[in-house]
Amino acid sequence: SWIEPPEGPAKAHLDYCFVNHALFPRVRDVF
């Protein structure tokens, strides 16, 4: 979700989406 400008070379996944356990069954998609 992060890339060192411009276009690399360093890349990392730093950004997230969290929900509570009761809401999770309603999740249709994430990307």
All heavy atoms as atom14 arrays in JSON, in Angstrom:
{
  "sequence": "SWIEPPEGPAKAHLDYCFVNHALFPRVRDVF",
  "atom14_mask": [
    [1, 1, 1, 1, 1, 1, 0, 0, 0, 0, 0, 0, 0, 0],
    [1, 1, 1, 1, 1, 1, 1, 1, 1, 1, 1, 1, 1, 1],
    [1, 1, 1, 1, 1, 1, 1, 1, 0, 0, 0, 0, 0, 0],
    [1, 1, 1, 1, 1, 1, 1, 1, 1, 0, 0, 0, 0, 0],
    [1, 1, 1, 1, 1, 1, 1, 0, 0, 0, 0, 0, 0, 0],
    [1, 1, 1, 1, 1, 1, 1, 0, 0, 0, 0, 0, 0, 0],
    [1, 1, 1, 1, 1, 1, 1, 1, 1, 0, 0, 0, 0, 0],
    [1, 1, 1, 1, 0, 0, 0, 0, 0, 0, 0, 0, 0, 0],
    [1, 1, 1, 1, 1, 1, 1, 0, 0, 0, 0, 0, 0, 0],
    [1, 1, 1, 1, 1, 0, 0, 0, 0, 0, 0, 0, 0, 0],
    [1, 1, 1, 1, 1, 1, 1, 1, 1, 0, 0, 0, 0, 0],
    [1, 1, 1, 1, 1, 0, 0, 0, 0, 0, 0, 0, 0, 0],
    [1, 1, 1, 1, 1, 1, 1, 1, 1, 1, 0, 0, 0, 0],
    [1, 1, 1, 1, 1, 1, 1, 1, 0, 0, 0, 0, 0, 0],
    [1, 1, 1, 1, 1, 1, 1, 1, 0, 0, 0, 0, 0, 0],
    [1, 1, 1, 1, 1, 1, 1, 1, 1, 1, 1, 1, 0, 0],
    [1, 1, 1, 1, 1, 1, 0, 0, 0, 0, 0, 0, 0, 0],
    [1, 1, 1, 1, 1, 1, 1, 1, 1, 1, 1, 0, 0, 0],
    [1, 1, 1, 1, 1, 1, 1, 0, 0, 0, 0, 0, 0, 0],
    [1, 1, 1, 1, 1, 1, 1, 1, 0, 0, 0, 0, 0, 0],
    [1, 1, 1, 1, 1, 1, 1, 1, 1, 1, 0, 0, 0, 0],
    [1, 1, 1, 1, 1, 0, 0, 0, 0, 0, 0, 0, 0, 0],
    [1, 1, 1, 1, 1, 1, 1, 1, 0, 0, 0, 0, 0, 0],
    [1, 1, 1, 1, 1, 1, 1, 1, 1, 1, 1, 0, 0, 0],
    [1, 1, 1, 1, 1, 1, 1, 0, 0, 0, 0, 0, 0, 0],
    [1, 1, 1, 1, 1, 1, 1, 1, 1, 1, 1, 0, 0, 0],
    [1, 1, 1, 1, 1, 1, 1, 0, 0, 0, 0, 0, 0, 0],
    [1, 1, 1, 1, 1, 1, 1, 1, 1, 1, 1, 0, 0, 0],
    [1, 1, 1, 1, 1, 1, 1, 1, 0, 0, 0, 0, 0, 0],
    [1, 1, 1, 1, 1, 1, 1, 0, 0, 0, 0, 0, 0, 0],
    [1, 1, 1, 1, 1, 1, 1, 1, 1, 1, 1, 0, 0, 0]
  ],
  "atom14_positions": [
    [[0.81, -1.22, 0.0], [0.0, 0.0, 0.0], [0.85, 1.27, 0.0], [0.3, 2.37, 0.03], [-0.94, 0.01, 1.22], [-0.2, 0.14, 2.42], [0.0, 0.0, 0.0], [0.0, 0.0, 0.0], [0.0, 0.0, 0.0], [0.0, 0.0, 0.0], [0.0, 0.0, 0.0], [0.0, 0.0, 0.0], [0.0, 0.0, 0.0], [0.0, 0.0, 0.0]],
    [[2.16, 1.12, 0.0], [3.07, 2.26, -0.07], [4.22, 1.92, -0.99], [4.69, 0.77, -1.02], [3.62, 2.61, 1.33], [4.72, 3.62, 1.29], [4.59, 4.98, 1.25], [6.13, 3.35, 1.27], [5.83, 5.58, 1.2], [6.8, 4.61, 1.22], [6.89, 2.18, 1.29], [8.19, 4.71, 1.18], [8.28, 2.29, 1.25], [8.91, 3.55, 1.21]],
    [[4.66, 2.92, -1.73], [5.79, 2.74, -2.63], [6.66, 3.99, -2.57], [6.15, 5.1, -2.47], [5.32, 2.46, -4.07], [6.49, 2.14, -4.99], [4.5, 3.61, -4.62], [6.06, 1.64, -6.36], [0.0, 0.0, 0.0], [0.0, 0.0, 0.0], [0.0, 0.0, 0.0], [0.0, 0.0, 0.0], [0.0, 0.0, 0.0], [0.0, 0.0, 0.0]],
    [[7.95, 3.79, -2.61], [8.87, 4.91, -2.55], [8.82, 5.67, -3.87], [9.1, 5.1, -4.93], [10.29, 4.41, -2.29], [11.32, 5.51, -2.17], [12.73, 4.94, -1.98], [12.96, 3.79, -2.39], [13.58, 5.65, -1.44], [0.0, 0.0, 0.0], [0.0, 0.0, 0.0], [0.0, 0.0, 0.0], [0.0, 0.0, 0.0], [0.0, 0.0, 0.0]],
    [[8.45, 6.96, -3.86], [8.38, 7.72, -5.11], [9.76, 7.87, -5.75], [10.75, 7.99, -5.03], [7.84, 9.09, -4.67], [7.23, 8.86, -3.33], [8.04, 7.76, -2.7], [0.0, 0.0, 0.0], [0.0, 0.0, 0.0], [0.0, 0.0, 0.0], [0.0, 0.0, 0.0], [0.0, 0.0, 0.0], [0.0, 0.0, 0.0], [0.0, 0.0, 0.0]],
    [[9.84, 7.9, -7.09], [8.72, 7.6, -7.98], [8.74, 6.13, -8.39], [9.69, 5.68, -9.03], [9.0, 8.5, -9.18], [10.5, 8.6, -9.21], [11.0, 8.44, -7.79], [0.0, 0.0, 0.0], [0.0, 0.0, 0.0], [0.0, 0.0, 0.0], [0.0, 0.0, 0.0], [0.0, 0.0, 0.0], [0.0, 0.0, 0.0], [0.0, 0.0, 0.0]],
    [[7.77, 5.39, -7.97], [7.57, 4.0, -8.39], [8.63, 3.03, -7.89], [9.05, 2.12, -8.6], [7.49, 3.91, -9.92], [6.56, 4.92, -10.54], [5.15, 4.4, -10.76], [4.9, 3.23, -10.45], [4.31, 5.16, -11.22], [0.0, 0.0, 0.0], [0.0, 0.0, 0.0], [0.0, 0.0, 0.0], [0.0, 0.0, 0.0], [0.0, 0.0, 0.0]],
    [[9.14, 3.22, -6.67], [10.03, 2.22, -6.09], [11.45, 2.72, -5.92], [11.71, 3.9, -6.13], [0.0, 0.0, 0.0], [0.0, 0.0, 0.0], [0.0, 0.0, 0.0], [0.0, 0.0, 0.0], [0.0, 0.0, 0.0], [0.0, 0.0, 0.0], [0.0, 0.0, 0.0], [0.0, 0.0, 0.0], [0.0, 0.0, 0.0], [0.0, 0.0, 0.0]],
    [[12.39, 1.82, -5.5], [12.21, 0.37, -5.41], [11.54, -0.12, -4.12], [11.01, -1.21, -4.08], [13.64, -0.16, -5.49], [14.45, 0.92, -4.84], [13.78, 2.21, -5.21], [0.0, 0.0, 0.0], [0.0, 0.0, 0.0], [0.0, 0.0, 0.0], [0.0, 0.0, 0.0], [0.0, 0.0, 0.0], [0.0, 0.0, 0.0], [0.0, 0.0, 0.0]],
    [[11.58, 0.68, -3.04], [11.02, 0.21, -1.77], [9.5, 0.15, -1.83], [8.85, 1.05, -2.34], [11.47, 1.13, -0.64], [0.0, 0.0, 0.0], [0.0, 0.0, 0.0], [0.0, 0.0, 0.0], [0.0, 0.0, 0.0], [0.0, 0.0, 0.0], [0.0, 0.0, 0.0], [0.0, 0.0, 0.0], [0.0, 0.0, 0.0], [0.0, 0.0, 0.0]],
    [[8.95, -0.94, -1.28], [7.51, -1.13, -1.21], [7.17, -1.75, 0.14], [7.97, -2.5, 0.7], [7.02, -2.06, -2.33], [7.31, -1.57, -3.74], [6.9, -2.61, -4.78], [7.25, -2.15, -6.18], [6.9, -3.18, -7.21], [0.0, 0.0, 0.0], [0.0, 0.0, 0.0], [0.0, 0.0, 0.0], [0.0, 0.0, 0.0], [0.0, 0.0, 0.0]],
    [[5.98, -1.43, 0.66], [5.57, -1.99, 1.95], [4.06, -1.94, 2.07], [3.4, -1.08, 1.46], [6.22, -1.23, 3.11], [0.0, 0.0, 0.0], [0.0, 0.0, 0.0], [0.0, 0.0, 0.0], [0.0, 0.0, 0.0], [0.0, 0.0, 0.0], [0.0, 0.0, 0.0], [0.0, 0.0, 0.0], [0.0, 0.0, 0.0], [0.0, 0.0, 0.0]],
    [[3.53, -2.84, 2.88], [2.1, -2.78, 3.18], [1.94, -2.11, 4.54], [2.31, -2.67, 5.57], [1.46, -4.17, 3.2], [-0.03, -4.11, 3.36], [-0.87, -3.91, 2.3], [-0.81, -4.13, 4.46], [-2.11, -3.84, 2.73], [-2.09, -3.97, 4.04], [0.0, 0.0, 0.0], [0.0, 0.0, 0.0], [0.0, 0.0, 0.0], [0.0, 0.0, 0.0]],
    [[1.39, -0.9, 4.54], [1.3, -0.08, 5.75], [-0.13, 0.34, 6.1], [-0.38, 0.78, 7.22], [2.15, 1.19, 5.59], [3.62, 1.0, 5.22], [4.28, 2.36, 5.01], [4.35, 0.19, 6.29], [0.0, 0.0, 0.0], [0.0, 0.0, 0.0], [0.0, 0.0, 0.0], [0.0, 0.0, 0.0], [0.0, 0.0, 0.0], [0.0, 0.0, 0.0]],
    [[-1.05, 0.2, 5.14], [-2.41, 0.71, 5.32], [-3.4, -0.44, 5.46], [-3.3, -1.45, 4.74], [-2.8, 1.58, 4.13], [-1.83, 2.73, 3.93], [-0.73, 2.5, 3.36], [-2.15, 3.85, 4.34], [0.0, 0.0, 0.0], [0.0, 0.0, 0.0], [0.0, 0.0, 0.0], [0.0, 0.0, 0.0], [0.0, 0.0, 0.0], [0.0, 0.0, 0.0]],
    [[-4.37, -0.27, 6.37], [-5.25, -1.39, 6.74], [-6.69, -0.94, 6.91], [-6.98, 0.26, 7.08], [-4.79, -2.02, 8.06], [-3.4, -2.61, 8.0], [-2.27, -1.81, 8.2], [-3.2, -3.97, 7.73], [-1.0, -2.34, 8.15], [-1.92, -4.5, 7.67], [-0.83, -3.69, 7.88], [0.43, -4.21, 7.82], [0.0, 0.0, 0.0], [0.0, 0.0, 0.0]],
    [[-7.56, -1.94, 6.9], [-8.95, -1.75, 7.25], [-9.33, -2.85, 8.24], [-9.24, -4.04, 7.92], [-9.84, -1.82, 6.01], [-11.59, -1.72, 6.41], [0.0, 0.0, 0.0], [0.0, 0.0, 0.0], [0.0, 0.0, 0.0], [0.0, 0.0, 0.0], [0.0, 0.0, 0.0], [0.0, 0.0, 0.0], [0.0, 0.0, 0.0], [0.0, 0.0, 0.0]],
    [[-9.71, -2.44, 9.44], [-10.11, -3.37, 10.49], [-11.58, -3.16, 10.82], [-12.09, -2.04, 10.75], [-9.28, -3.14, 11.77], [-7.81, -3.27, 11.59], [-7.0, -2.14, 11.53], [-7.21, -4.51, 11.48], [-5.62, -2.25, 11.37], [-5.83, -4.64, 11.31], [-5.04, -3.5, 11.26], [0.0, 0.0, 0.0], [0.0, 0.0, 0.0], [0.0, 0.0, 0.0]],
    [[-12.25, -4.25, 11.19], [-13.64, -4.18, 11.65], [-13.78, -5.0, 12.92], [-12.88, -5.76, 13.29], [-14.63, -4.69, 10.58], [-14.52, -3.88, 9.3], [-14.4, -6.18, 10.29], [0.0, 0.0, 0.0], [0.0, 0.0, 0.0], [0.0, 0.0, 0.0], [0.0, 0.0, 0.0], [0.0, 0.0, 0.0], [0.0, 0.0, 0.0], [0.0, 0.0, 0.0]],
    [[-14.92, -4.86, 13.59], [-15.2, -5.7, 14.75], [-15.73, -7.06, 14.29], [-16.17, -7.22, 13.14], [-16.19, -5.03, 15.69], [-17.52, -4.74, 15.04], [-17.57, -4.08, 13.99], [-18.62, -5.21, 15.62], [0.0, 0.0, 0.0], [0.0, 0.0, 0.0], [0.0, 0.0, 0.0], [0.0, 0.0, 0.0], [0.0, 0.0, 0.0], [0.0, 0.0, 0.0]],
    [[-15.67, -8.04, 15.17], [-16.01, -9.42, 14.79], [-17.45, -9.54, 14.3], [-17.73, -10.33, 13.4], [-15.78, -10.35, 15.99], [-16.79, -10.19, 17.08], [-16.77, -9.13, 17.96], [-17.85, -10.96, 17.43], [-17.78, -9.26, 18.81], [-18.45, -10.35, 18.52], [0.0, 0.0, 0.0], [0.0, 0.0, 0.0], [0.0, 0.0, 0.0], [0.0, 0.0, 0.0]],
    [[-18.38, -8.76, 14.88], [-19.79, -8.88, 14.49], [-20.06, -8.29, 13.11], [-21.0, -8.7, 12.43], [-20.67, -8.2, 15.54], [0.0, 0.0, 0.0], [0.0, 0.0, 0.0], [0.0, 0.0, 0.0], [0.0, 0.0, 0.0], [0.0, 0.0, 0.0], [0.0, 0.0, 0.0], [0.0, 0.0, 0.0], [0.0, 0.0, 0.0], [0.0, 0.0, 0.0]],
    [[-19.25, -7.32, 12.7], [-19.45, -6.7, 11.4], [-18.81, -7.5, 10.28], [-19.23, -7.4, 9.12], [-18.86, -5.28, 11.42], [-19.16, -4.38, 10.21], [-20.66, -4.14, 10.07], [-18.41, -3.06, 10.34], [0.0, 0.0, 0.0], [0.0, 0.0, 0.0], [0.0, 0.0, 0.0], [0.0, 0.0, 0.0], [0.0, 0.0, 0.0], [0.0, 0.0, 0.0]],
    [[-17.82, -8.32, 10.59], [-17.08, -9.02, 9.55], [-17.95, -9.85, 8.61], [-17.7, -9.85, 7.39], [-16.0, -9.91, 10.17], [-15.24, -10.7, 9.15], [-14.35, -10.08, 8.29], [-15.46, -12.07, 9.0], [-13.67, -10.79, 7.32], [-14.79, -12.79, 8.04], [-13.89, -12.16, 7.18], [0.0, 0.0, 0.0], [0.0, 0.0, 0.0], [0.0, 0.0, 0.0]],
    [[-19.01, -10.56, 9.08], [-19.83, -11.33, 8.13], [-20.49, -10.48, 7.05], [-20.92, -11.02, 6.03], [-20.88, -11.98, 9.04], [-20.22, -12.07, 10.37], [-19.39, -10.83, 10.47], [0.0, 0.0, 0.0], [0.0, 0.0, 0.0], [0.0, 0.0, 0.0], [0.0, 0.0, 0.0], [0.0, 0.0, 0.0], [0.0, 0.0, 0.0], [0.0, 0.0, 0.0]],
    [[-20.58, -9.17, 7.25], [-21.19, -8.29, 6.25], [-20.2, -7.8, 5.21], [-20.57, -7.1, 4.26], [-21.84, -7.09, 6.93], [-23.08, -7.43, 7.76], [-23.62, -6.2, 8.46], [-23.86, -5.09, 7.54], [-24.14, -3.85, 7.93], [-24.2, -3.57, 9.23], [-24.35, -2.9, 7.05], [0.0, 0.0, 0.0], [0.0, 0.0, 0.0], [0.0, 0.0, 0.0]],
    [[-18.92, -8.14, 5.36], [-17.91, -7.68, 4.41], [-18.05, -8.46, 3.1], [-18.0, -9.69, 3.09], [-16.49, -7.85, 4.98], [-15.46, -7.43, 3.93], [-16.32, -7.03, 6.25], [0.0, 0.0, 0.0], [0.0, 0.0, 0.0], [0.0, 0.0, 0.0], [0.0, 0.0, 0.0], [0.0, 0.0, 0.0], [0.0, 0.0, 0.0], [0.0, 0.0, 0.0]],
    [[-18.23, -7.74, 2.02], [-18.37, -8.37, 0.7], [-17.04, -8.4, -0.04], [-16.71, -9.38, -0.72], [-19.4, -7.61, -0.14], [-19.51, -8.1, -1.58], [-20.54, -7.32, -2.36], [-21.9, -7.6, -1.89], [-22.97, -6.94, -2.3], [-22.84, -5.94, -3.17], [-24.16, -7.26, -1.84], [0.0, 0.0, 0.0], [0.0, 0.0, 0.0], [0.0, 0.0, 0.0]],
    [[-16.26, -7.33, 0.08], [-15.0, -7.28, -0.67], [-14.07, -6.28, 0.0], [-14.5, -5.35, 0.7], [-15.26, -6.85, -2.11], [-14.07, -7.13, -3.03], [-13.17, -7.89, -2.62], [-14.05, -6.6, -4.16], [0.0, 0.0, 0.0], [0.0, 0.0, 0.0], [0.0, 0.0, 0.0], [0.0, 0.0, 0.0], [0.0, 0.0, 0.0], [0.0, 0.0, 0.0]],
    [[-12.77, -6.45, -0.22], [-11.74, -5.53, 0.25], [-10.55, -5.66, -0.67], [-10.2, -6.76, -1.11], [-11.36, -5.83, 1.72], [-10.81, -7.23, 1.87], [-10.36, -4.8, 2.25], [0.0, 0.0, 0.0], [0.0, 0.0, 0.0], [0.0, 0.0, 0.0], [0.0, 0.0, 0.0], [0.0, 0.0, 0.0], [0.0, 0.0, 0.0], [0.0, 0.0, 0.0]],
    [[-9.91, -4.53, -1.01], [-8.77, -4.58, -1.92], [-7.99, -3.28, -1.83], [-8.47, -2.26, -1.32], [-9.22, -4.82, -3.37], [-10.08, -3.72, -3.94], [-9.52, -2.68, -4.66], [-11.46, -3.73, -3.76], [-10.3, -1.66, -5.19], [-12.25, -2.71, -4.28], [-11.67, -1.68, -5.01], [0.0, 0.0, 0.0], [0.0, 0.0, 0.0], [0.0, 0.0, 0.0]]
  ]
}
